Amino acid sequence: MWEQYRKTFGSMQVFIAMVVVALFFALGRAWALAAGFFLMMQVGAIFGAMWAARLKRRLNPPAW
């Protein structure tokens, strides 16, 4: 799972930062809402990496 997370870490953090900054200004500088959204997106990134690793294991089973 951590290999998948490390692969996408940089691009995902840039995307999350852009979305959170846009929401911050779109919502009238509501920092609490932007911070909540930031945390939600970080948790989503971790769960997405877990899901991708599981799919990868299912699609590419180890050859015995």
C-alpha atoms as a PDB file:
ATOM      1  CA  MET A   1       0.000   0.000   0.000  1.00  0.00           C
ATOM      2  CA  TRP A   2       2.763   2.423   0.895  1.00  0.00           C
ATOM      3  CA  GLU A   3       4.448   1.897  -2.489  1.00  0.00           C
ATOM      4  CA  GLN A   4       1.251   3.003  -4.227  1.00  0.00           C
ATOM      5  CA  TYR A   5       0.870   5.969  -1.873  1.00  0.00           C
ATOM      6  CA  ARG A   6       4.484   7.050  -2.472  1.00  0.00           C
ATOM      7  CA  LYS A   7       4.003   6.847  -6.254  1.00  0.00           C
ATOM      8  CA  THR A   8       1.086   9.269  -6.232  1.00  0.00           C
ATOM      9  CA  PHE A   9       2.051  11.392  -3.217  1.00  0.00           C
ATOM     10  CA  GLY A  10       3.453  14.438  -5.025  1.00  0.00           C
ATOM     11  CA  SER A  11       0.746  14.845  -7.632  1.00  0.00           C
ATOM     12  CA  MET A  12      -2.009  14.101  -5.138  1.00  0.00           C
ATOM     13  CA  GLN A  13      -0.732  16.710  -2.662  1.00  0.00           C
ATOM     14  CA  VAL A  14      -0.573  19.355  -5.386  1.00  0.00           C
ATOM     15  CA  PHE A  15      -4.132  18.522  -6.454  1.00  0.00           C
ATOM     16  CA  ILE A  16      -5.412  18.585  -2.857  1.00  0.00           C
ATOM     17  CA  ALA A  17      -3.691  21.922  -2.212  1.00  0.00           C
ATOM     18  CA  MET A  18      -5.229  23.481  -5.342  1.00  0.00           C
ATOM     19  CA  VAL A  19      -8.720  22.278  -4.421  1.00  0.00           C
ATOM     20  CA  VAL A  20      -8.434  23.439  -0.812  1.00  0.00           C
ATOM     21  CA  VAL A  21      -7.113  26.884  -1.784  1.00  0.00           C
ATOM     22  CA  ALA A  22      -9.915  27.269  -4.335  1.00  0.00           C
ATOM     23  CA  LEU A  23     -12.508  26.255  -1.734  1.00  0.00           C
ATOM     24  CA  PHE A  24     -10.982  28.574   0.839  1.00  0.00           C
ATOM     25  CA  PHE A  25     -11.502  31.583  -1.399  1.00  0.00           C
ATOM     26  CA  ALA A  26     -14.795  30.384  -2.887  1.00  0.00           C
ATOM     27  CA  LEU A  27     -16.324  29.928   0.572  1.00  0.00           C
ATOM     28  CA  GLY A  28     -15.387  33.405   1.734  1.00  0.00           C
ATOM     29  CA  ARG A  29     -12.143  32.494   3.508  1.00  0.00           C
ATOM     30  CA  ALA A  30     -13.772  29.933   5.766  1.00  0.00           C
ATOM     31  CA  TRP A  31     -10.625  28.288   7.066  1.00  0.00           C
ATOM     32  CA  ALA A  32     -12.448  25.725   9.228  1.00  0.00           C
ATOM     33  CA  LEU A  33     -14.381  24.349   6.264  1.00  0.00           C
ATOM     34  CA  ALA A  34     -11.246  24.297   4.105  1.00  0.00           C
ATOM     35  CA  ALA A  35      -9.319  22.496   6.855  1.00  0.00           C
ATOM     36  CA  GLY A  36     -12.075  19.908   7.206  1.00  0.00           C
ATOM     37  CA  PHE A  37     -12.079  19.353   3.482  1.00  0.00           C
ATOM     38  CA  PHE A  38      -8.272  19.049   3.534  1.00  0.00           C
ATOM     39  CA  LEU A  39      -8.429  16.329   6.196  1.00  0.00           C
ATOM     40  CA  MET A  40     -11.178  14.513   4.329  1.00  0.00           C
ATOM     41  CA  MET A  41      -9.138  14.541   1.119  1.00  0.00           C
ATOM     42  CA  GLN A  42      -6.025  13.269   2.938  1.00  0.00           C
ATOM     43  CA  VAL A  43      -7.979  10.348   4.384  1.00  0.00           C
ATOM     44  CA  GLY A  44      -9.433   9.705   0.925  1.00  0.00           C
ATOM     45  CA  ALA A  45      -5.934   9.611  -0.556  1.00  0.00           C
ATOM     46  CA  ILE A  46      -4.862   6.965   1.960  1.00  0.00           C
ATOM     47  CA  PHE A  47      -7.970   4.852   1.396  1.00  0.00           C
ATOM     48  CA  GLY A  48      -7.520   5.251  -2.363  1.00  0.00           C
ATOM     49  CA  ALA A  49      -3.965   3.933  -2.129  1.00  0.00           C
ATOM     50  CA  MET A  50      -5.187   0.988  -0.041  1.00  0.00           C
ATOM     51  CA  TRP A  51      -7.868   0.230  -2.601  1.00  0.00           C
ATOM     52  CA  ALA A  52      -5.437   0.512  -5.534  1.00  0.00           C
ATOM     53  CA  ALA A  53      -2.956  -1.841  -3.842  1.00  0.00           C
ATOM     54  CA  ARG A  54      -5.719  -4.377  -3.234  1.00  0.00           C
ATOM     55  CA  LEU A  55      -6.857  -4.180  -6.850  1.00  0.00           C
ATOM     56  CA  LYS A  56      -3.284  -4.568  -8.035  1.00  0.00           C
ATOM     57  CA  ARG A  57      -2.864  -7.725  -5.934  1.00  0.00           C
ATOM     58  CA  ARG A  58      -6.107  -9.171  -7.306  1.00  0.00           C
ATOM     59  CA  LEU A  59      -5.276  -8.420 -10.930  1.00  0.00           C
ATOM     60  CA  ASN A  60      -1.653  -9.584 -10.685  1.00  0.00           C
ATOM     61  CA  PRO A  61      -1.579 -12.634  -8.406  1.00  0.00           C
ATOM     62  CA  PRO A  62       1.864 -14.004  -7.542  1.00  0.00           C
ATOM     63  CA  ALA A  63       3.077 -16.743  -9.875  1.00  0.00           C
ATOM     64  CA  TRP A  64       3.745 -19.957  -7.996  1.00  0.00           C
END
